[in-house]
N, C-alpha and C. Protein backbone atom coordinates (compact mmCIF):
# COMPACT_ATOMS: atom_id res chain seq x y z
N MET A 1 0.85 -1.17 0.00
CA MET A 1 0.00 0.00 0.00
C MET A 1 0.90 1.24 0.00
N ARG A 2 0.54 2.19 -0.82
CA ARG A 2 1.34 3.41 -0.92
C ARG A 2 0.92 4.42 0.13
N TYR A 3 1.91 5.06 0.72
CA TYR A 3 1.67 6.18 1.62
C TYR A 3 2.43 7.38 1.10
N PHE A 4 1.86 8.53 1.28
CA PHE A 4 2.45 9.78 0.81
C PHE A 4 3.22 10.43 1.95
N ARG A 5 4.45 10.85 1.66
CA ARG A 5 5.31 11.44 2.70
C ARG A 5 5.07 12.93 2.89
N ASN A 6 4.63 13.59 1.82
CA ASN A 6 4.43 15.04 1.92
C ASN A 6 3.44 15.49 0.86
N GLU A 7 3.02 16.74 0.96
CA GLU A 7 2.03 17.27 0.04
C GLU A 7 2.56 17.37 -1.39
N LYS A 8 3.85 17.58 -1.54
CA LYS A 8 4.44 17.65 -2.88
C LYS A 8 4.22 16.35 -3.65
N GLU A 9 4.33 15.21 -2.97
CA GLU A 9 4.08 13.92 -3.64
C GLU A 9 2.65 13.85 -4.17
N ILE A 10 1.71 14.37 -3.42
CA ILE A 10 0.31 14.38 -3.86
C ILE A 10 0.15 15.32 -5.05
N LEU A 11 0.72 16.52 -4.95
CA LEU A 11 0.63 17.49 -6.05
C LEU A 11 1.31 16.98 -7.31
N ASP A 12 2.44 16.30 -7.16
CA ASP A 12 3.13 15.72 -8.32
C ASP A 12 2.27 14.62 -8.96
N LEU A 13 1.62 13.82 -8.13
CA LEU A 13 0.73 12.78 -8.64
C LEU A 13 -0.42 13.41 -9.43
N VAL A 14 -1.04 14.44 -8.88
CA VAL A 14 -2.15 15.11 -9.56
C VAL A 14 -1.66 15.70 -10.89
N ALA A 15 -0.49 16.31 -10.89
CA ALA A 15 0.06 16.88 -12.13
C ALA A 15 0.30 15.80 -13.18
N SER A 16 0.83 14.65 -12.76
CA SER A 16 1.09 13.57 -13.73
C SER A 16 -0.22 12.96 -14.23
N PHE A 17 -1.23 12.95 -13.38
CA PHE A 17 -2.56 12.50 -13.80
C PHE A 17 -3.14 13.46 -14.82
N GLU A 18 -3.10 14.75 -14.51
CA GLU A 18 -3.70 15.75 -15.39
C GLU A 18 -2.98 15.85 -16.73
N SER A 19 -1.69 15.62 -16.74
CA SER A 19 -0.93 15.67 -17.99
C SER A 19 -0.91 14.31 -18.70
N ALA A 20 -1.54 13.33 -18.10
CA ALA A 20 -1.62 11.96 -18.65
C ALA A 20 -0.23 11.36 -18.86
N THR A 21 0.67 11.64 -17.91
CA THR A 21 2.04 11.11 -18.01
C THR A 21 2.34 10.04 -16.97
N ILE A 22 1.41 9.78 -16.07
CA ILE A 22 1.64 8.73 -15.07
C ILE A 22 1.66 7.37 -15.79
N ALA A 23 2.61 6.55 -15.42
CA ALA A 23 2.72 5.22 -16.03
C ALA A 23 1.56 4.34 -15.58
N ARG A 24 1.12 3.47 -16.45
CA ARG A 24 0.00 2.58 -16.14
C ARG A 24 0.27 1.79 -14.87
N GLU A 25 1.49 1.29 -14.70
CA GLU A 25 1.81 0.48 -13.51
C GLU A 25 1.84 1.33 -12.23
N ASP A 26 1.89 2.64 -12.36
CA ASP A 26 1.87 3.53 -11.19
C ASP A 26 0.48 4.08 -10.89
N TRP A 27 -0.50 3.75 -11.71
CA TRP A 27 -1.88 4.23 -11.52
C TRP A 27 -2.69 3.11 -10.89
N ARG A 28 -2.59 3.02 -9.57
CA ARG A 28 -3.25 1.96 -8.81
C ARG A 28 -4.35 2.56 -7.92
N HIS A 29 -4.89 1.74 -7.07
CA HIS A 29 -6.00 2.16 -6.21
C HIS A 29 -5.64 3.37 -5.35
N ALA A 30 -4.49 3.34 -4.71
CA ALA A 30 -4.09 4.45 -3.83
C ALA A 30 -3.99 5.76 -4.61
N GLU A 31 -3.49 5.69 -5.82
CA GLU A 31 -3.35 6.89 -6.64
C GLU A 31 -4.72 7.42 -7.07
N HIS A 32 -5.63 6.52 -7.42
CA HIS A 32 -7.00 6.93 -7.73
C HIS A 32 -7.60 7.69 -6.54
N LEU A 33 -7.47 7.09 -5.36
CA LEU A 33 -8.05 7.70 -4.16
C LEU A 33 -7.42 9.06 -3.85
N ALA A 34 -6.11 9.16 -3.97
CA ALA A 34 -5.42 10.41 -3.66
C ALA A 34 -5.87 11.53 -4.59
N VAL A 35 -5.95 11.24 -5.89
CA VAL A 35 -6.39 12.27 -6.84
C VAL A 35 -7.87 12.61 -6.59
N GLY A 36 -8.70 11.61 -6.35
CA GLY A 36 -10.10 11.86 -6.06
C GLY A 36 -10.30 12.73 -4.84
N LEU A 37 -9.56 12.45 -3.79
CA LEU A 37 -9.66 13.26 -2.57
C LEU A 37 -9.18 14.68 -2.81
N PHE A 38 -8.09 14.83 -3.56
CA PHE A 38 -7.59 16.16 -3.91
C PHE A 38 -8.67 16.95 -4.65
N TYR A 39 -9.32 16.33 -5.64
CA TYR A 39 -10.36 17.00 -6.41
C TYR A 39 -11.58 17.30 -5.55
N ALA A 40 -11.97 16.38 -4.69
CA ALA A 40 -13.12 16.61 -3.81
C ALA A 40 -12.85 17.82 -2.92
N ASP A 41 -11.62 17.95 -2.42
CA ASP A 41 -11.25 19.06 -1.56
C ASP A 41 -11.19 20.37 -2.33
N LYS A 42 -10.59 20.35 -3.49
CA LYS A 42 -10.37 21.59 -4.25
C LYS A 42 -11.62 22.07 -4.99
N TYR A 43 -12.42 21.13 -5.51
CA TYR A 43 -13.53 21.50 -6.40
C TYR A 43 -14.91 21.15 -5.88
N GLY A 44 -15.01 20.39 -4.79
CA GLY A 44 -16.31 19.95 -4.32
C GLY A 44 -16.71 18.65 -5.01
N LEU A 45 -17.84 18.10 -4.61
CA LEU A 45 -18.23 16.79 -5.10
C LEU A 45 -18.56 16.79 -6.59
N GLU A 46 -19.44 17.66 -7.03
CA GLU A 46 -19.89 17.61 -8.42
C GLU A 46 -18.77 17.96 -9.40
N ALA A 47 -18.13 19.10 -9.21
CA ALA A 47 -17.06 19.51 -10.13
C ALA A 47 -15.85 18.58 -10.01
N GLY A 48 -15.58 18.11 -8.79
CA GLY A 48 -14.47 17.17 -8.59
C GLY A 48 -14.72 15.85 -9.32
N THR A 49 -15.97 15.38 -9.28
CA THR A 49 -16.32 14.15 -10.00
C THR A 49 -16.18 14.36 -11.51
N ASP A 50 -16.61 15.51 -11.99
CA ASP A 50 -16.46 15.82 -13.43
C ASP A 50 -14.99 15.82 -13.83
N LYS A 51 -14.14 16.44 -13.00
CA LYS A 51 -12.71 16.48 -13.30
C LYS A 51 -12.09 15.08 -13.26
N MET A 52 -12.51 14.28 -12.30
CA MET A 52 -11.98 12.92 -12.20
C MET A 52 -12.38 12.11 -13.42
N ARG A 53 -13.64 12.19 -13.81
CA ARG A 53 -14.14 11.46 -14.97
C ARG A 53 -13.36 11.86 -16.22
N SER A 54 -13.28 13.15 -16.50
CA SER A 54 -12.59 13.60 -17.71
C SER A 54 -11.10 13.28 -17.65
N GLY A 55 -10.52 13.35 -16.46
CA GLY A 55 -9.11 13.01 -16.31
C GLY A 55 -8.82 11.54 -16.56
N ILE A 56 -9.69 10.67 -16.06
CA ILE A 56 -9.50 9.23 -16.29
C ILE A 56 -9.62 8.92 -17.78
N LEU A 57 -10.63 9.50 -18.42
CA LEU A 57 -10.81 9.27 -19.85
C LEU A 57 -9.61 9.77 -20.65
N ARG A 58 -9.10 10.95 -20.28
CA ARG A 58 -7.90 11.50 -20.95
C ARG A 58 -6.69 10.60 -20.71
N LEU A 59 -6.52 10.14 -19.48
CA LEU A 59 -5.39 9.26 -19.16
C LEU A 59 -5.47 7.96 -19.95
N LEU A 60 -6.65 7.38 -20.01
CA LEU A 60 -6.82 6.14 -20.78
C LEU A 60 -6.43 6.34 -22.24
N GLU A 61 -6.92 7.43 -22.82
CA GLU A 61 -6.69 7.66 -24.24
C GLU A 61 -5.29 8.18 -24.54
N LYS A 62 -4.89 9.25 -23.87
CA LYS A 62 -3.61 9.90 -24.18
C LYS A 62 -2.42 9.24 -23.49
N GLY A 63 -2.62 8.84 -22.24
CA GLY A 63 -1.51 8.27 -21.48
C GLY A 63 -1.28 6.79 -21.72
N PHE A 64 -2.38 6.04 -21.80
CA PHE A 64 -2.27 4.59 -21.93
C PHE A 64 -2.53 4.11 -23.35
N GLY A 65 -2.91 5.02 -24.24
CA GLY A 65 -3.10 4.65 -25.64
C GLY A 65 -4.31 3.76 -25.91
N VAL A 66 -5.34 3.86 -25.07
CA VAL A 66 -6.53 3.06 -25.27
C VAL A 66 -7.42 3.72 -26.32
N ASP A 67 -7.85 2.96 -27.31
CA ASP A 67 -8.78 3.45 -28.31
C ASP A 67 -10.18 3.32 -27.71
N LEU A 68 -10.71 4.42 -27.21
CA LEU A 68 -11.98 4.38 -26.49
C LEU A 68 -13.17 4.06 -27.40
N SER A 69 -12.97 4.10 -28.70
CA SER A 69 -14.05 3.69 -29.60
C SER A 69 -14.12 2.17 -29.72
N LYS A 70 -13.06 1.49 -29.31
CA LYS A 70 -13.02 0.02 -29.39
C LYS A 70 -13.09 -0.66 -28.03
N GLU A 71 -12.66 0.05 -27.02
CA GLU A 71 -12.56 -0.54 -25.67
C GLU A 71 -12.90 0.55 -24.66
N MET A 72 -13.69 0.20 -23.64
CA MET A 72 -14.06 1.19 -22.64
C MET A 72 -13.80 0.66 -21.24
N PRO A 73 -12.57 0.84 -20.73
CA PRO A 73 -12.27 0.37 -19.38
C PRO A 73 -12.81 1.31 -18.28
N TYR A 74 -13.26 2.51 -18.67
CA TYR A 74 -13.80 3.45 -17.68
C TYR A 74 -15.09 2.90 -17.10
N HIS A 75 -15.30 3.15 -15.78
CA HIS A 75 -16.47 2.64 -15.07
C HIS A 75 -17.11 3.78 -14.29
N GLU A 76 -18.27 4.25 -14.78
CA GLU A 76 -18.94 5.41 -14.19
C GLU A 76 -19.38 5.18 -12.75
N THR A 77 -20.00 4.05 -12.46
CA THR A 77 -20.50 3.81 -11.10
C THR A 77 -19.36 3.77 -10.10
N ILE A 78 -18.28 3.12 -10.44
CA ILE A 78 -17.14 3.06 -9.53
C ILE A 78 -16.54 4.45 -9.32
N THR A 79 -16.43 5.23 -10.38
CA THR A 79 -15.89 6.59 -10.25
C THR A 79 -16.76 7.43 -9.33
N VAL A 80 -18.07 7.43 -9.56
CA VAL A 80 -18.98 8.23 -8.74
C VAL A 80 -18.96 7.72 -7.29
N PHE A 81 -18.99 6.41 -7.11
CA PHE A 81 -18.96 5.84 -5.76
C PHE A 81 -17.72 6.32 -5.00
N TRP A 82 -16.54 6.21 -5.62
CA TRP A 82 -15.32 6.60 -4.93
C TRP A 82 -15.23 8.10 -4.69
N MET A 83 -15.77 8.89 -5.60
CA MET A 83 -15.77 10.34 -5.37
C MET A 83 -16.70 10.69 -4.22
N ARG A 84 -17.84 10.03 -4.11
CA ARG A 84 -18.74 10.26 -2.97
C ARG A 84 -18.07 9.82 -1.68
N THR A 85 -17.36 8.71 -1.74
CA THR A 85 -16.63 8.23 -0.56
C THR A 85 -15.56 9.24 -0.16
N ALA A 86 -14.77 9.69 -1.13
CA ALA A 86 -13.70 10.65 -0.84
C ALA A 86 -14.28 11.95 -0.26
N TYR A 87 -15.39 12.42 -0.82
CA TYR A 87 -15.98 13.67 -0.35
C TYR A 87 -16.52 13.51 1.08
N ALA A 88 -17.22 12.42 1.34
CA ALA A 88 -17.74 12.19 2.70
C ALA A 88 -16.58 12.06 3.69
N PHE A 89 -15.53 11.36 3.28
CA PHE A 89 -14.35 11.20 4.12
C PHE A 89 -13.71 12.56 4.40
N LEU A 90 -13.62 13.38 3.38
CA LEU A 90 -13.07 14.73 3.53
C LEU A 90 -13.84 15.52 4.58
N LEU A 91 -15.15 15.47 4.52
CA LEU A 91 -15.97 16.21 5.48
C LEU A 91 -15.78 15.70 6.90
N MET A 92 -15.48 14.42 7.05
CA MET A 92 -15.29 13.83 8.38
C MET A 92 -13.90 14.05 8.93
N THR A 93 -12.96 14.46 8.10
CA THR A 93 -11.56 14.56 8.53
C THR A 93 -10.99 15.95 8.26
N ARG A 94 -11.79 16.97 8.35
CA ARG A 94 -11.37 18.34 8.04
C ARG A 94 -10.19 18.82 8.89
N GLY A 95 -10.04 18.30 10.09
CA GLY A 95 -8.95 18.76 10.95
C GLY A 95 -7.59 18.20 10.60
N ALA A 96 -7.54 17.22 9.74
CA ALA A 96 -6.28 16.57 9.38
C ALA A 96 -5.59 17.30 8.24
N SER A 97 -4.29 17.13 8.13
CA SER A 97 -3.55 17.71 7.01
C SER A 97 -3.89 16.92 5.74
N PRO A 98 -3.64 17.49 4.57
CA PRO A 98 -3.89 16.74 3.33
C PRO A 98 -3.14 15.40 3.28
N VAL A 99 -1.93 15.36 3.79
CA VAL A 99 -1.15 14.12 3.77
C VAL A 99 -1.76 13.10 4.73
N GLU A 100 -2.08 13.52 5.94
CA GLU A 100 -2.71 12.62 6.92
C GLU A 100 -4.03 12.09 6.39
N ARG A 101 -4.82 12.98 5.84
CA ARG A 101 -6.13 12.61 5.32
C ARG A 101 -6.00 11.62 4.16
N THR A 102 -5.09 11.90 3.23
CA THR A 102 -4.90 11.01 2.08
C THR A 102 -4.44 9.63 2.53
N ASN A 103 -3.46 9.59 3.41
CA ASN A 103 -2.95 8.30 3.89
C ASN A 103 -4.01 7.53 4.67
N ALA A 104 -4.84 8.24 5.43
CA ALA A 104 -5.91 7.57 6.18
C ALA A 104 -6.96 7.01 5.22
N LEU A 105 -7.28 7.75 4.16
CA LEU A 105 -8.24 7.27 3.17
C LEU A 105 -7.73 6.00 2.50
N VAL A 106 -6.47 6.02 2.09
CA VAL A 106 -5.86 4.86 1.43
C VAL A 106 -5.84 3.66 2.38
N ALA A 107 -5.53 3.91 3.66
CA ALA A 107 -5.46 2.82 4.63
C ALA A 107 -6.84 2.25 4.96
N ALA A 108 -7.86 3.09 4.96
CA ALA A 108 -9.18 2.67 5.43
C ALA A 108 -10.01 1.94 4.37
N PHE A 109 -9.75 2.21 3.08
CA PHE A 109 -10.66 1.71 2.05
C PHE A 109 -9.92 0.95 0.96
N ASP A 110 -10.05 -0.37 1.00
CA ASP A 110 -9.45 -1.17 -0.07
C ASP A 110 -10.37 -1.15 -1.29
N LYS A 111 -9.88 -1.68 -2.38
CA LYS A 111 -10.62 -1.59 -3.64
C LYS A 111 -11.93 -2.35 -3.62
N ASP A 112 -12.14 -3.24 -2.64
CA ASP A 112 -13.39 -3.98 -2.55
C ASP A 112 -14.47 -3.28 -1.73
N PHE A 113 -14.20 -2.10 -1.20
CA PHE A 113 -15.17 -1.38 -0.39
C PHE A 113 -16.53 -1.22 -1.10
N PRO A 114 -16.58 -0.94 -2.40
CA PRO A 114 -17.90 -0.82 -3.05
C PRO A 114 -18.75 -2.09 -2.96
N LEU A 115 -18.11 -3.24 -2.75
CA LEU A 115 -18.87 -4.49 -2.67
C LEU A 115 -19.63 -4.63 -1.35
N ARG A 116 -19.46 -3.68 -0.46
CA ARG A 116 -20.33 -3.61 0.72
C ARG A 116 -21.69 -3.06 0.35
N PHE A 117 -21.77 -2.38 -0.78
CA PHE A 117 -22.98 -1.70 -1.22
C PHE A 117 -23.62 -2.34 -2.44
N TYR A 118 -22.80 -3.00 -3.25
CA TYR A 118 -23.25 -3.58 -4.51
C TYR A 118 -22.95 -5.07 -4.56
N THR A 119 -23.84 -5.84 -5.16
CA THR A 119 -23.47 -7.20 -5.50
C THR A 119 -22.47 -7.12 -6.65
N ARG A 120 -21.63 -8.10 -6.75
CA ARG A 120 -20.62 -8.15 -7.82
C ARG A 120 -21.30 -8.05 -9.20
N GLU A 121 -22.43 -8.76 -9.34
CA GLU A 121 -23.14 -8.76 -10.63
C GLU A 121 -23.61 -7.37 -11.01
N ARG A 122 -24.15 -6.65 -10.06
CA ARG A 122 -24.66 -5.30 -10.36
C ARG A 122 -23.51 -4.33 -10.62
N LEU A 123 -22.50 -4.37 -9.76
CA LEU A 123 -21.39 -3.41 -9.89
C LEU A 123 -20.63 -3.59 -11.19
N PHE A 124 -20.46 -4.82 -11.62
CA PHE A 124 -19.66 -5.06 -12.82
C PHE A 124 -20.51 -5.28 -14.07
N SER A 125 -21.75 -4.83 -14.02
CA SER A 125 -22.63 -4.93 -15.19
C SER A 125 -22.27 -3.84 -16.21
N GLU A 126 -22.70 -4.06 -17.42
CA GLU A 126 -22.48 -3.05 -18.48
C GLU A 126 -23.21 -1.76 -18.14
N GLU A 127 -24.40 -1.87 -17.55
CA GLU A 127 -25.16 -0.69 -17.16
C GLU A 127 -24.37 0.16 -16.16
N ALA A 128 -23.77 -0.49 -15.15
CA ALA A 128 -23.00 0.23 -14.13
C ALA A 128 -21.74 0.85 -14.73
N ARG A 129 -21.18 0.22 -15.71
CA ARG A 129 -19.99 0.76 -16.38
C ARG A 129 -20.35 2.03 -17.15
N ALA A 130 -21.51 2.02 -17.81
CA ALA A 130 -21.90 3.12 -18.69
C ALA A 130 -22.48 4.32 -17.95
N GLU A 131 -23.20 4.06 -16.85
CA GLU A 131 -23.84 5.16 -16.12
C GLU A 131 -23.91 4.80 -14.64
N TYR A 132 -24.09 5.83 -13.81
CA TYR A 132 -24.16 5.57 -12.38
C TYR A 132 -25.46 4.83 -12.06
N ILE A 133 -25.35 3.76 -11.28
CA ILE A 133 -26.53 3.06 -10.78
C ILE A 133 -26.44 2.96 -9.26
N SER A 134 -27.58 2.96 -8.63
CA SER A 134 -27.65 2.92 -7.16
C SER A 134 -27.25 1.55 -6.63
N PRO A 135 -26.76 1.52 -5.40
CA PRO A 135 -26.40 0.24 -4.76
C PRO A 135 -27.61 -0.66 -4.58
N ASP A 136 -27.36 -1.96 -4.53
CA ASP A 136 -28.44 -2.90 -4.30
C ASP A 136 -28.33 -3.62 -2.95
N LEU A 137 -27.26 -3.38 -2.21
CA LEU A 137 -27.13 -4.02 -0.89
C LEU A 137 -27.44 -3.05 0.25
N PHE A 138 -26.98 -1.82 0.15
CA PHE A 138 -27.24 -0.79 1.16
C PHE A 138 -27.74 0.45 0.45
N GLN A 139 -28.48 1.25 1.17
CA GLN A 139 -28.92 2.52 0.61
C GLN A 139 -27.74 3.49 0.56
N GLU A 140 -27.79 4.42 -0.37
CA GLU A 140 -26.70 5.38 -0.52
C GLU A 140 -26.46 6.19 0.75
N TRP A 141 -27.50 6.50 1.50
CA TRP A 141 -27.32 7.29 2.71
C TRP A 141 -26.48 6.56 3.75
N SER A 142 -26.34 5.23 3.62
CA SER A 142 -25.54 4.48 4.59
C SER A 142 -24.04 4.58 4.30
N LEU A 143 -23.66 5.23 3.20
CA LEU A 143 -22.24 5.38 2.87
C LEU A 143 -21.49 6.07 4.00
N GLU A 144 -22.03 7.17 4.50
CA GLU A 144 -21.36 7.89 5.58
C GLU A 144 -21.20 7.02 6.82
N GLU A 145 -22.22 6.22 7.12
CA GLU A 145 -22.13 5.32 8.28
C GLU A 145 -21.02 4.28 8.08
N GLU A 146 -20.94 3.72 6.89
CA GLU A 146 -19.90 2.74 6.60
C GLU A 146 -18.51 3.38 6.63
N ILE A 147 -18.41 4.59 6.14
CA ILE A 147 -17.14 5.31 6.19
C ILE A 147 -16.74 5.52 7.65
N HIS A 148 -17.69 5.95 8.45
CA HIS A 148 -17.40 6.18 9.87
C HIS A 148 -16.93 4.88 10.54
N ARG A 149 -17.61 3.77 10.25
CA ARG A 149 -17.19 2.48 10.81
C ARG A 149 -15.79 2.11 10.36
N SER A 150 -15.47 2.37 9.12
CA SER A 150 -14.14 2.04 8.59
C SER A 150 -13.06 2.92 9.20
N LEU A 151 -13.44 4.09 9.68
CA LEU A 151 -12.48 5.04 10.23
C LEU A 151 -12.13 4.77 11.68
N ILE A 152 -12.92 4.03 12.38
CA ILE A 152 -12.71 3.87 13.81
C ILE A 152 -11.25 3.54 14.15
N PRO A 153 -10.59 2.58 13.50
CA PRO A 153 -9.19 2.35 13.84
C PRO A 153 -8.27 3.48 13.37
N ALA A 154 -8.70 4.27 12.38
CA ALA A 154 -7.85 5.32 11.83
C ALA A 154 -8.02 6.65 12.54
N LYS A 155 -8.92 6.76 13.51
CA LYS A 155 -9.20 8.05 14.14
C LYS A 155 -7.94 8.69 14.70
N THR A 156 -7.11 7.93 15.36
CA THR A 156 -5.92 8.53 15.94
C THR A 156 -4.92 8.94 14.86
N VAL A 157 -4.95 8.27 13.71
CA VAL A 157 -4.04 8.60 12.62
C VAL A 157 -4.34 9.97 12.07
N VAL A 158 -5.62 10.34 11.98
CA VAL A 158 -5.98 11.61 11.38
C VAL A 158 -6.36 12.68 12.39
N GLY A 159 -6.04 12.44 13.65
CA GLY A 159 -6.26 13.44 14.67
C GLY A 159 -7.73 13.71 14.97
N MET A 160 -8.56 12.69 14.84
CA MET A 160 -9.97 12.88 15.09
C MET A 160 -10.38 12.35 16.47
N GLY A 161 -9.50 11.67 17.17
CA GLY A 161 -9.88 11.01 18.40
C GLY A 161 -9.76 11.82 19.62
């Protein structure tokens, strides 16, 4: 699991994402979360989600050379879910520094976290890939509760305890 040592590492990551120069092998779950949290903090939920979506599509096409007319690895439901998670997490950890907050987010939420809300079949359906669909296991309002539960061991890490 990647941890960020300072804010410059986060800013450098965001810059490499925005310029579509980050290597495919360096664009993992922690990096997705860090950029999403940065955007949620800087732009808010709606604009941050728009920036994340357009950035991922640009990275796929320009950075990774994916022909989006032939292949579509982008997943709308997962992007929206993680941006909502990052935004809710941000609101719960306002007292922490950007580095503490980013590292706590990465530590608290593994890539399978959405499967607490979605069945595998629903989450990985073509419909979910193309457009945002609501969870089928928990209601969306329970996201904040699940985030809070996931944070309990991390409270001292982000200065919330």
